[in-house]
Amino acid sequence: QVQLVESGGGLVQAGGSLRLSCAASGIAFSIYTIAWYRQVPGKQRELVAQSASGGTTNYADSVKGRFTISRDNAKKTVYLQMNSLKPEDTAVYYCNRPYAPVSWGQGTQVTVSS
């Protein structure tokens, strides 16, 4: 059974940092592109960053220069380092495979206070 579990969210002041983790099980992790998404109530889920199996990374314009996605294939984990957080980064963050999606997990709440 394929499972992706997010963790690491929390409450932080504007300008602060958090590191999110996405732990995978049940998949040949290293061959897949893994992405982080976020969603706020009433809005569509948006792609924040993605990490391809070959190492290529891509970011939404809104987080470029502030967020860094990385992966540890041995641990089957993808990370999202979030620096210089802004109140508009407040959302539930999820991870998934953009090209072969699995069921969405619970996500992890990130709240940035002003």
Protein backbone atom coordinates (compact mmCIF):
# COMPACT_ATOMS: atom_id res chain seq x y z
CA GLN A 1 0.00 0.00 0.00
CA VAL A 2 1.42 3.33 -1.07
CA GLN A 3 1.42 5.94 1.65
CA LEU A 4 2.81 9.45 1.97
CA VAL A 5 2.80 10.99 5.44
CA GLU A 6 3.46 14.67 6.06
CA SER A 7 4.84 16.15 9.28
CA GLY A 8 6.67 19.14 10.65
CA GLY A 9 4.07 21.86 10.49
CA GLY A 10 3.33 24.28 13.27
CA LEU A 11 2.85 27.87 14.32
CA VAL A 12 5.63 30.31 13.54
CA GLN A 13 6.03 34.07 13.42
CA ALA A 14 6.55 35.87 10.14
CA GLY A 15 10.18 35.65 9.13
CA GLY A 16 10.63 32.32 10.82
CA SER A 17 11.43 28.89 9.42
CA LEU A 18 9.99 25.40 9.40
CA ARG A 19 11.06 22.13 7.83
CA LEU A 20 8.40 19.76 6.59
CA SER A 21 8.93 16.06 5.98
CA CYS A 22 7.14 13.67 3.65
CA ALA A 23 7.81 10.02 4.42
CA ALA A 24 6.90 7.46 1.78
CA SER A 25 6.20 3.76 2.04
CA GLY A 26 5.11 1.15 -0.42
CA ILE A 27 6.76 2.72 -3.47
CA ALA A 28 10.07 2.62 -5.30
CA PHE A 29 10.63 6.13 -4.04
CA SER A 30 13.76 7.10 -5.92
CA ILE A 31 12.23 6.86 -9.40
CA TYR A 32 9.35 9.24 -8.75
CA THR A 33 8.95 12.97 -8.85
CA ILE A 34 7.56 14.09 -5.50
CA ALA A 35 5.91 17.44 -4.96
CA TRP A 36 4.74 19.60 -2.10
CA TYR A 37 1.36 21.27 -2.39
CA ARG A 38 -0.60 23.59 -0.16
CA GLN A 39 -4.23 24.45 0.25
CA VAL A 40 -6.20 27.07 2.13
CA PRO A 41 -9.94 26.76 2.75
CA GLY A 42 -12.00 27.78 -0.26
CA LYS A 43 -9.07 27.71 -2.67
CA GLN A 44 -7.61 25.13 -4.99
CA ARG A 45 -4.62 23.12 -3.94
CA GLU A 46 -1.49 24.63 -5.47
CA LEU A 47 1.86 23.11 -6.27
CA VAL A 48 4.63 24.67 -4.21
CA ALA A 49 7.75 22.73 -5.18
CA GLN A 50 8.73 19.48 -6.80
CA SER A 51 11.76 17.23 -6.86
CA ALA A 52 12.36 14.96 -9.81
CA SER A 53 14.19 11.67 -9.55
CA GLY A 54 17.15 13.10 -11.48
CA GLY A 55 17.55 15.97 -9.05
CA THR A 56 15.75 18.73 -10.93
CA THR A 57 13.69 20.99 -8.72
CA ASN A 58 10.97 23.50 -9.53
CA TYR A 59 9.23 26.09 -7.41
CA ALA A 60 6.16 28.25 -7.53
CA ASP A 61 7.09 31.90 -8.08
CA SER A 62 5.62 32.78 -4.70
CA VAL A 63 8.19 30.68 -2.81
CA LYS A 64 11.30 30.95 -4.98
CA GLY A 65 14.30 31.98 -2.96
CA ARG A 66 12.58 31.15 0.33
CA PHE A 67 11.71 27.45 0.12
CA THR A 68 14.03 24.56 -0.70
CA ILE A 69 12.91 21.05 -1.57
CA SER A 70 15.29 18.16 -1.03
CA ARG A 71 15.07 14.40 -0.87
CA ASP A 72 16.80 11.51 0.84
CA ASN A 73 16.12 8.45 -1.30
CA ALA A 74 17.62 6.08 1.26
CA LYS A 75 15.11 7.31 3.84
CA LYS A 76 12.30 7.64 1.28
CA THR A 77 11.71 11.15 2.53
CA VAL A 78 11.26 14.52 0.87
CA TYR A 79 11.80 17.71 2.82
CA LEU A 80 10.61 21.26 2.39
CA GLN A 81 12.75 23.84 4.13
CA MET A 82 10.72 27.01 4.46
CA ASN A 83 12.51 30.22 5.38
CA SER A 84 11.37 33.83 5.62
CA LEU A 85 7.83 32.66 6.12
CA LYS A 86 4.98 35.04 5.43
CA PRO A 87 1.38 35.04 6.69
CA GLU A 88 0.27 34.15 3.15
CA ASP A 89 2.18 30.87 3.46
CA THR A 90 -0.41 29.74 5.99
CA ALA A 91 -2.02 26.58 4.63
CA VAL A 92 -2.23 22.82 4.96
CA TYR A 93 0.76 21.33 3.19
CA TYR A 94 0.59 17.99 1.39
CA CYS A 95 2.96 15.85 -0.60
CA ASN A 96 2.15 13.60 -3.54
CA ARG A 97 3.42 12.31 -6.83
CA PRO A 98 2.34 14.80 -9.49
CA TYR A 99 2.52 12.30 -12.39
CA ALA A 100 1.19 9.22 -10.59
CA PRO A 101 -0.81 10.58 -7.67
CA VAL A 102 -1.89 8.50 -4.73
CA SER A 103 -4.57 9.18 -2.15
CA TRP A 104 -4.00 12.46 -0.37
CA GLY A 105 -2.81 12.24 3.21
CA GLN A 106 -3.85 14.35 6.16
CA GLY A 107 -1.35 17.06 5.42
CA THR A 108 0.42 19.20 7.98
CA GLN A 109 -0.83 22.62 9.07
CA VAL A 110 1.50 25.59 8.76
CA THR A 111 0.36 28.81 10.39
CA VAL A 112 2.40 31.98 10.08
CA SER A 113 1.44 34.82 12.37
CA SER A 114 2.10 38.45 11.52
